[in-house]
Amino acid sequence: REVLTLEELYQLSVGFIERGVTKLRITGGE
């Protein structure tokens, strides 16, 4: 329950892209 949902992860990523992030690496864990 503490982990972000896939929808929240996407929303978060879009927020970073709109602020100039051009490279996104998905990590973990695995």
PDB file of all heavy atoms in Angstrom:
ATOM      1  N   ARG A   1       0.824  -1.219   0.000  1.00  0.00           N
ATOM      2  CA  ARG A   1       0.000   0.000   0.000  1.00  0.00           C
ATOM      3  C   ARG A   1       0.856   1.266   0.000  1.00  0.00           C
ATOM      4  O   ARG A   1       0.364   2.349  -0.344  1.00  0.00           O
ATOM      5  CB  ARG A   1      -0.929  -0.003   1.221  1.00  0.00           C
ATOM      6  CG  ARG A   1      -0.207   0.087   2.561  1.00  0.00           C
ATOM      7  CD  ARG A   1      -1.162   0.046   3.740  1.00  0.00           C
ATOM      8  NE  ARG A   1      -0.466   0.111   5.011  1.00  0.00           N
ATOM      9  CZ  ARG A   1       0.053  -0.949   5.629  1.00  0.00           C
ATOM     10  NH1 ARG A   1      -0.076  -2.151   5.083  1.00  0.00           N
ATOM     11  NH2 ARG A   1       0.688  -0.811   6.788  1.00  0.00           N
ATOM     12  N   GLU A   2       2.105   1.146   0.409  1.00  0.00           N
ATOM     13  CA  GLU A   2       2.974   2.319   0.441  1.00  0.00           C
ATOM     14  C   GLU A   2       3.608   2.620  -0.912  1.00  0.00           C
ATOM     15  O   GLU A   2       4.132   3.711  -1.140  1.00  0.00           O
ATOM     16  CB  GLU A   2       4.078   2.133   1.499  1.00  0.00           C
ATOM     17  CG  GLU A   2       3.558   2.055   2.930  1.00  0.00           C
ATOM     18  CD  GLU A   2       4.683   1.982   3.936  1.00  0.00           C
ATOM     19  OE1 GLU A   2       5.840   2.233   3.542  1.00  0.00           O
ATOM     20  OE2 GLU A   2       4.400   1.670   5.110  1.00  0.00           O
ATOM     21  N   VAL A   3       3.560   1.634  -1.814  1.00  0.00           N
ATOM     22  CA  VAL A   3       4.210   1.774  -3.113  1.00  0.00           C
ATOM     23  C   VAL A   3       3.291   2.503  -4.088  1.00  0.00           C
ATOM     24  O   VAL A   3       2.072   2.293  -4.100  1.00  0.00           O
ATOM     25  CB  VAL A   3       4.579   0.379  -3.664  1.00  0.00           C
ATOM     26  CG1 VAL A   3       5.157   0.476  -5.070  1.00  0.00           C
ATOM     27  CG2 VAL A   3       5.579  -0.298  -2.731  1.00  0.00           C
ATOM     28  N   LEU A   4       3.854   3.365  -4.896  1.00  0.00           N
ATOM     29  CA  LEU A   4       3.074   4.096  -5.883  1.00  0.00           C
ATOM     30  C   LEU A   4       2.422   3.139  -6.881  1.00  0.00           C
ATOM     31  O   LEU A   4       3.013   2.137  -7.271  1.00  0.00           O
ATOM     32  CB  LEU A   4       3.958   5.080  -6.650  1.00  0.00           C
ATOM     33  CG  LEU A   4       4.607   6.221  -5.861  1.00  0.00           C
ATOM     34  CD1 LEU A   4       5.431   7.091  -6.794  1.00  0.00           C
ATOM     35  CD2 LEU A   4       3.576   7.053  -5.124  1.00  0.00           C
ATOM     36  N   THR A   5       1.210   3.462  -7.304  1.00  0.00           N
ATOM     37  CA  THR A   5       0.544   2.681  -8.333  1.00  0.00           C
ATOM     38  C   THR A   5       1.209   2.957  -9.681  1.00  0.00           C
ATOM     39  O   THR A   5       1.953   3.936  -9.846  1.00  0.00           O
ATOM     40  CB  THR A   5      -0.944   3.047  -8.428  1.00  0.00           C
ATOM     41  OG1 THR A   5      -1.053   4.402  -8.906  1.00  0.00           O
ATOM     42  CG2 THR A   5      -1.631   2.921  -7.072  1.00  0.00           C
ATOM     43  N   LEU A   6       0.920   2.118 -10.668  1.00  0.00           N
ATOM     44  CA  LEU A   6       1.464   2.353 -12.002  1.00  0.00           C
ATOM     45  C   LEU A   6       0.975   3.693 -12.553  1.00  0.00           C
ATOM     46  O   LEU A   6       1.724   4.412 -13.228  1.00  0.00           O
ATOM     47  CB  LEU A   6       1.057   1.222 -12.945  1.00  0.00           C
ATOM     48  CG  LEU A   6       1.653  -0.157 -12.648  1.00  0.00           C
ATOM     49  CD1 LEU A   6       1.191  -1.162 -13.692  1.00  0.00           C
ATOM     50  CD2 LEU A   6       3.180  -0.113 -12.602  1.00  0.00           C
ATOM     51  N   GLU A   7      -0.274   4.030 -12.252  1.00  0.00           N
ATOM     52  CA  GLU A   7      -0.808   5.314 -12.703  1.00  0.00           C
ATOM     53  C   GLU A   7      -0.048   6.473 -12.076  1.00  0.00           C
ATOM     54  O   GLU A   7       0.252   7.479 -12.737  1.00  0.00           O
ATOM     55  CB  GLU A   7      -2.303   5.417 -12.360  1.00  0.00           C
ATOM     56  CG  GLU A   7      -3.196   4.484 -13.149  1.00  0.00           C
ATOM     57  CD  GLU A   7      -3.181   3.038 -12.622  1.00  0.00           C
ATOM     58  OE1 GLU A   7      -2.556   2.801 -11.548  1.00  0.00           O
ATOM     59  OE2 GLU A   7      -3.777   2.165 -13.263  1.00  0.00           O
ATOM     60  N   GLU A   8       0.258   6.360 -10.782  1.00  0.00           N
ATOM     61  CA  GLU A   8       1.011   7.422 -10.106  1.00  0.00           C
ATOM     62  C   GLU A   8       2.436   7.509 -10.645  1.00  0.00           C
ATOM     63  O   GLU A   8       2.983   8.607 -10.802  1.00  0.00           O
ATOM     64  CB  GLU A   8       1.024   7.172  -8.598  1.00  0.00           C
ATOM     65  CG  GLU A   8      -0.325   7.426  -7.935  1.00  0.00           C
ATOM     66  CD  GLU A   8      -0.356   6.998  -6.486  1.00  0.00           C
ATOM     67  OE1 GLU A   8       0.331   6.003  -6.123  1.00  0.00           O
ATOM     68  OE2 GLU A   8      -1.063   7.654  -5.695  1.00  0.00           O
ATOM     69  N   LEU A   9       3.043   6.365 -10.930  1.00  0.00           N
ATOM     70  CA  LEU A   9       4.395   6.363 -11.493  1.00  0.00           C
ATOM     71  C   LEU A   9       4.412   7.051 -12.848  1.00  0.00           C
ATOM     72  O   LEU A   9       5.346   7.800 -13.176  1.00  0.00           O
ATOM     73  CB  LEU A   9       4.910   4.925 -11.612  1.00  0.00           C
ATOM     74  CG  LEU A   9       5.233   4.219 -10.288  1.00  0.00           C
ATOM     75  CD1 LEU A   9       5.378   2.724 -10.506  1.00  0.00           C
ATOM     76  CD2 LEU A   9       6.509   4.794  -9.664  1.00  0.00           C
ATOM     77  N   TYR A  10       3.379   6.818 -13.641  1.00  0.00           N
ATOM     78  CA  TYR A  10       3.285   7.470 -14.947  1.00  0.00           C
ATOM     79  C   TYR A  10       3.089   8.980 -14.776  1.00  0.00           C
ATOM     80  O   TYR A  10       3.767   9.787 -15.424  1.00  0.00           O
ATOM     81  CB  TYR A  10       2.129   6.885 -15.753  1.00  0.00           C
ATOM     82  CG  TYR A  10       1.928   7.586 -17.081  1.00  0.00           C
ATOM     83  CD1 TYR A  10       2.791   7.339 -18.144  1.00  0.00           C
ATOM     84  CD2 TYR A  10       0.903   8.517 -17.253  1.00  0.00           C
ATOM     85  CE1 TYR A  10       2.639   7.998 -19.356  1.00  0.00           C
ATOM     86  CE2 TYR A  10       0.735   9.185 -18.462  1.00  0.00           C
ATOM     87  CZ  TYR A  10       1.606   8.913 -19.512  1.00  0.00           C
ATOM     88  OH  TYR A  10       1.449   9.576 -20.707  1.00  0.00           O
ATOM     89  N   GLN A  11       2.177   9.354 -13.902  1.00  0.00           N
ATOM     90  CA  GLN A  11       1.919  10.774 -13.653  1.00  0.00           C
ATOM     91  C   GLN A  11       3.186  11.479 -13.186  1.00  0.00           C
ATOM     92  O   GLN A  11       3.500  12.604 -13.617  1.00  0.00           O
ATOM     93  CB  GLN A  11       0.811  10.924 -12.614  1.00  0.00           C
ATOM     94  CG  GLN A  11       0.427  12.367 -12.299  1.00  0.00           C
ATOM     95  CD  GLN A  11      -0.630  12.452 -11.203  1.00  0.00           C
ATOM     96  OE1 GLN A  11      -1.089  11.439 -10.682  1.00  0.00           O
ATOM     97  NE2 GLN A  11      -1.012  13.675 -10.843  1.00  0.00           N
ATOM     98  N   LEU A  12       3.905  10.826 -12.297  1.00  0.00           N
ATOM     99  CA  LEU A  12       5.153  11.381 -11.784  1.00  0.00           C
ATOM    100  C   LEU A  12       6.163  11.567 -12.908  1.00  0.00           C
ATOM    101  O   LEU A  12       6.810  12.622 -13.033  1.00  0.00           O
ATOM    102  CB  LEU A  12       5.713  10.431 -10.721  1.00  0.00           C
ATOM    103  CG  LEU A  12       6.860  10.928  -9.849  1.00  0.00           C
ATOM    104  CD1 LEU A  12       6.421  12.129  -9.041  1.00  0.00           C
ATOM    105  CD2 LEU A  12       7.314   9.802  -8.928  1.00  0.00           C
ATOM    106  N   SER A  13       6.290  10.545 -13.756  1.00  0.00           N
ATOM    107  CA  SER A  13       7.242  10.603 -14.861  1.00  0.00           C
ATOM    108  C   SER A  13       6.923  11.751 -15.801  1.00  0.00           C
ATOM    109  O   SER A  13       7.817  12.483 -16.242  1.00  0.00           O
ATOM    110  CB  SER A  13       7.223   9.281 -15.634  1.00  0.00           C
ATOM    111  OG  SER A  13       7.590   8.195 -14.804  1.00  0.00           O
ATOM    112  N   VAL A  14       5.651  11.924 -16.109  1.00  0.00           N
ATOM    113  CA  VAL A  14       5.243  13.013 -16.996  1.00  0.00           C
ATOM    114  C   VAL A  14       5.598  14.366 -16.371  1.00  0.00           C
ATOM    115  O   VAL A  14       6.065  15.285 -17.067  1.00  0.00           O
ATOM    116  CB  VAL A  14       3.735  12.929 -17.300  1.00  0.00           C
ATOM    117  CG1 VAL A  14       3.247  14.192 -18.003  1.00  0.00           C
ATOM    118  CG2 VAL A  14       3.436  11.701 -18.160  1.00  0.00           C
ATOM    119  N   GLY A  15       5.429  14.482 -15.064  1.00  0.00           N
ATOM    120  CA  GLY A  15       5.793  15.713 -14.387  1.00  0.00           C
ATOM    121  C   GLY A  15       7.271  16.041 -14.547  1.00  0.00           C
ATOM    122  O   GLY A  15       7.641  17.204 -14.750  1.00  0.00           O
ATOM    123  N   PHE A  16       8.111  15.022 -14.469  1.00  0.00           N
ATOM    124  CA  PHE A  16       9.552  15.234 -14.656  1.00  0.00           C
ATOM    125  C   PHE A  16       9.867  15.583 -16.103  1.00  0.00           C
ATOM    126  O   PHE A  16      10.712  16.451 -16.377  1.00  0.00           O
ATOM    127  CB  PHE A  16      10.320  13.981 -14.241  1.00  0.00           C
ATOM    128  CG  PHE A  16      10.619  13.897 -12.777  1.00  0.00           C
ATOM    129  CD1 PHE A  16       9.815  13.149 -11.930  1.00  0.00           C
ATOM    130  CD2 PHE A  16      11.698  14.564 -12.235  1.00  0.00           C
ATOM    131  CE1 PHE A  16      10.082  13.066 -10.583  1.00  0.00           C
ATOM    132  CE2 PHE A  16      11.991  14.487 -10.881  1.00  0.00           C
ATOM    133  CZ  PHE A  16      11.163  13.743 -10.043  1.00  0.00           C
ATOM    134  N   ILE A  17       9.231  14.904 -17.035  1.00  0.00           N
ATOM    135  CA  ILE A  17       9.473  15.188 -18.454  1.00  0.00           C
ATOM    136  C   ILE A  17       9.125  16.627 -18.771  1.00  0.00           C
ATOM    137  O   ILE A  17       9.843  17.317 -19.504  1.00  0.00           O
ATOM    138  CB  ILE A  17       8.675  14.206 -19.333  1.00  0.00           C
ATOM    139  CG1 ILE A  17       9.211  12.772 -19.153  1.00  0.00           C
ATOM    140  CG2 ILE A  17       8.754  14.608 -20.811  1.00  0.00           C
ATOM    141  CD1 ILE A  17       8.320  11.696 -19.749  1.00  0.00           C
ATOM    142  N   GLU A  18       8.032  17.112 -18.197  1.00  0.00           N
ATOM    143  CA  GLU A  18       7.626  18.490 -18.439  1.00  0.00           C
ATOM    144  C   GLU A  18       8.587  19.499 -17.832  1.00  0.00           C
ATOM    145  O   GLU A  18       8.587  20.673 -18.219  1.00  0.00           O
ATOM    146  CB  GLU A  18       6.211  18.710 -17.906  1.00  0.00           C
ATOM    147  CG  GLU A  18       5.156  17.957 -18.721  1.00  0.00           C
ATOM    148  CD  GLU A  18       3.763  18.130 -18.164  1.00  0.00           C
ATOM    149  OE1 GLU A  18       3.620  18.617 -17.020  1.00  0.00           O
ATOM    150  OE2 GLU A  18       2.806  17.753 -18.869  1.00  0.00           O
ATOM    151  N   ARG A  19       9.423  19.045 -16.902  1.00  0.00           N
ATOM    152  CA  ARG A  19      10.436  19.919 -16.305  1.00  0.00           C
ATOM    153  C   ARG A  19      11.814  19.702 -16.925  1.00  0.00           C
ATOM    154  O   ARG A  19      12.820  20.157 -16.390  1.00  0.00           O
ATOM    155  CB  ARG A  19      10.501  19.719 -14.786  1.00  0.00           C
ATOM    156  CG  ARG A  19       9.237  20.089 -14.034  1.00  0.00           C
ATOM    157  CD  ARG A  19       8.948  21.587 -14.066  1.00  0.00           C
ATOM    158  NE  ARG A  19       9.980  22.375 -13.419  1.00  0.00           N
ATOM    159  CZ  ARG A  19       9.987  22.688 -12.124  1.00  0.00           C
ATOM    160  NH1 ARG A  19       8.992  22.276 -11.341  1.00  0.00           N
ATOM    161  NH2 ARG A  19      10.949  23.420 -11.614  1.00  0.00           N
ATOM    162  N   GLY A  20      11.881  18.982 -18.043  1.00  0.00           N
ATOM    163  CA  GLY A  20      13.144  18.888 -18.768  1.00  0.00           C
ATOM    164  C   GLY A  20      13.895  17.587 -18.650  1.00  0.00           C
ATOM    165  O   GLY A  20      15.011  17.465 -19.202  1.00  0.00           O
ATOM    166  N   VAL A  21      13.344  16.593 -17.965  1.00  0.00           N
ATOM    167  CA  VAL A  21      13.999  15.282 -17.916  1.00  0.00           C
ATOM    168  C   VAL A  21      13.834  14.605 -19.269  1.00  0.00           C
ATOM    169  O   VAL A  21      12.717  14.460 -19.779  1.00  0.00           O
ATOM    170  CB  VAL A  21      13.413  14.411 -16.786  1.00  0.00           C
ATOM    171  CG1 VAL A  21      13.795  12.947 -16.971  1.00  0.00           C
ATOM    172  CG2 VAL A  21      13.902  14.924 -15.437  1.00  0.00           C
ATOM    173  N   THR A  22      14.943  14.206 -19.868  1.00  0.00           N
ATOM    174  CA  THR A  22      14.916  13.586 -21.194  1.00  0.00           C
ATOM    175  C   THR A  22      15.258  12.102 -21.161  1.00  0.00           C
ATOM    176  O   THR A  22      15.011  11.397 -22.143  1.00  0.00           O
ATOM    177  CB  THR A  22      15.900  14.283 -22.137  1.00  0.00           C
ATOM    178  OG1 THR A  22      17.235  14.185 -21.598  1.00  0.00           O
ATOM    179  CG2 THR A  22      15.535  15.758 -22.312  1.00  0.00           C
ATOM    180  N   LYS A  23      15.835  11.641 -20.068  1.00  0.00           N
ATOM    181  CA  LYS A  23      16.200  10.227 -19.940  1.00  0.00           C
ATOM    182  C   LYS A  23      15.559   9.666 -18.684  1.00  0.00           C
ATOM    183  O   LYS A  23      15.695  10.237 -17.591  1.00  0.00           O
ATOM    184  CB  LYS A  23      17.717  10.055 -19.870  1.00  0.00           C
ATOM    185  CG  LYS A  23      18.145   8.605 -19.670  1.00  0.00           C
ATOM    186  CD  LYS A  23      19.658   8.460 -19.649  1.00  0.00           C
ATOM    187  CE  LYS A  23      20.070   7.019 -19.383  1.00  0.00           C
ATOM    188  NZ  LYS A  23      21.540   6.832 -19.396  1.00  0.00           N
ATOM    189  N   LEU A  24      14.877   8.540 -18.839  1.00  0.00           N
ATOM    190  CA  LEU A  24      14.186   7.904 -17.727  1.00  0.00           C
ATOM    191  C   LEU A  24      14.626   6.458 -17.630  1.00  0.00           C
ATOM    192  O   LEU A  24      14.492   5.689 -18.582  1.00  0.00           O
ATOM    193  CB  LEU A  24      12.673   7.985 -17.945  1.00  0.00           C
ATOM    194  CG  LEU A  24      11.762   7.326 -16.923  1.00  0.00           C
ATOM    195  CD1 LEU A  24      11.997   7.892 -15.532  1.00  0.00           C
ATOM    196  CD2 LEU A  24      10.298   7.520 -17.322  1.00  0.00           C
ATOM    197  N   ARG A  25      15.188   6.096 -16.483  1.00  0.00           N
ATOM    198  CA  ARG A  25      15.597   4.708 -16.237  1.00  0.00           C
ATOM    199  C   ARG A  25      14.698   4.117 -15.159  1.00  0.00           C
ATOM    200  O   ARG A  25      14.587   4.667 -14.062  1.00  0.00           O
ATOM    201  CB  ARG A  25      17.055   4.636 -15.801  1.00  0.00           C
ATOM    202  CG  ARG A  25      17.520   3.197 -15.485  1.00  0.00           C
ATOM    203  CD  ARG A  25      19.003   3.118 -15.167  1.00  0.00           C
ATOM    204  NE  ARG A  25      19.811   3.518 -16.289  1.00  0.00           N
ATOM    205  CZ  ARG A  25      20.087   2.748 -17.345  1.00  0.00           C
ATOM    206  NH1 ARG A  25      19.604   1.516 -17.401  1.00  0.00           N
ATOM    207  NH2 ARG A  25      20.831   3.194 -18.330  1.00  0.00           N
ATOM    208  N   ILE A  26      14.066   3.003 -15.473  1.00  0.00           N
ATOM    209  CA  ILE A  26      13.241   2.283 -14.509  1.00  0.00           C
ATOM    210  C   ILE A  26      14.136   1.325 -13.735  1.00  0.00           C
ATOM    211  O   ILE A  26      14.892   0.549 -14.311  1.00  0.00           O
ATOM    212  CB  ILE A  26      12.114   1.512 -15.220  1.00  0.00           C
ATOM    213  CG1 ILE A  26      11.242   2.471 -16.037  1.00  0.00           C
ATOM    214  CG2 ILE A  26      11.278   0.750 -14.207  1.00  0.00           C
ATOM    215  CD1 ILE A  26      10.555   3.536 -15.233  1.00  0.00           C
ATOM    216  N   THR A  27      14.033   1.388 -12.393  1.00  0.00           N
ATOM    217  CA  THR A  27      14.897   0.585 -11.532  1.00  0.00           C
ATOM    218  C   THR A  27      14.071  -0.103 -10.458  1.00  0.00           C
ATOM    219  O   THR A  27      12.848  -0.018 -10.424  1.00  0.00           O
ATOM    220  CB  THR A  27      15.971   1.472 -10.866  1.00  0.00           C
ATOM    221  OG1 THR A  27      15.363   2.327  -9.891  1.00  0.00           O
ATOM    222  CG2 THR A  27      16.707   2.318 -11.886  1.00  0.00           C
ATOM    223  N   GLY A  28      14.771  -0.769  -9.548  1.00  0.00           N
ATOM    224  CA  GLY A  28      14.168  -1.413  -8.396  1.00  0.00           C
ATOM    225  C   GLY A  28      15.171  -1.377  -7.262  1.00  0.00           C
ATOM    226  O   GLY A  28      16.020  -0.481  -7.220  1.00  0.00           O
ATOM    227  N   GLY A  29      15.137  -2.428  -6.410  1.00  0.00           N
ATOM    228  CA  GLY A  29      14.652  -3.759  -6.623  1.00  0.00           C
ATOM    229  C   GLY A  29      14.866  -4.285  -8.015  1.00  0.00           C
ATOM    230  O   GLY A  29      15.671  -3.824  -8.777  1.00  0.00           O
ATOM    231  N   GLU A  30      14.067  -5.273  -8.337  1.00  0.00           N
ATOM    232  CA  GLU A  30      14.039  -5.814  -9.693  1.00  0.00           C
ATOM    233  C   GLU A  30      12.743  -5.362 -10.346  1.00  0.00           C
ATOM    234  O   GLU A  30      11.671  -5.859 -10.014  1.00  0.00           O
ATOM    235  CB  GLU A  30      14.144  -7.346  -9.677  1.00  0.00           C
ATOM    236  CG  GLU A  30      13.879  -8.016 -11.013  1.00  0.00           C
ATOM    237  CD  GLU A  30      14.629  -7.344 -12.157  1.00  0.00           C
ATOM    238  OE1 GLU A  30      15.847  -7.096 -12.032  1.00  0.00           O
ATOM    239  OE2 GLU A  30      13.969  -7.065 -13.185  1.00  0.00           O
TER     240      GLU A  30
END
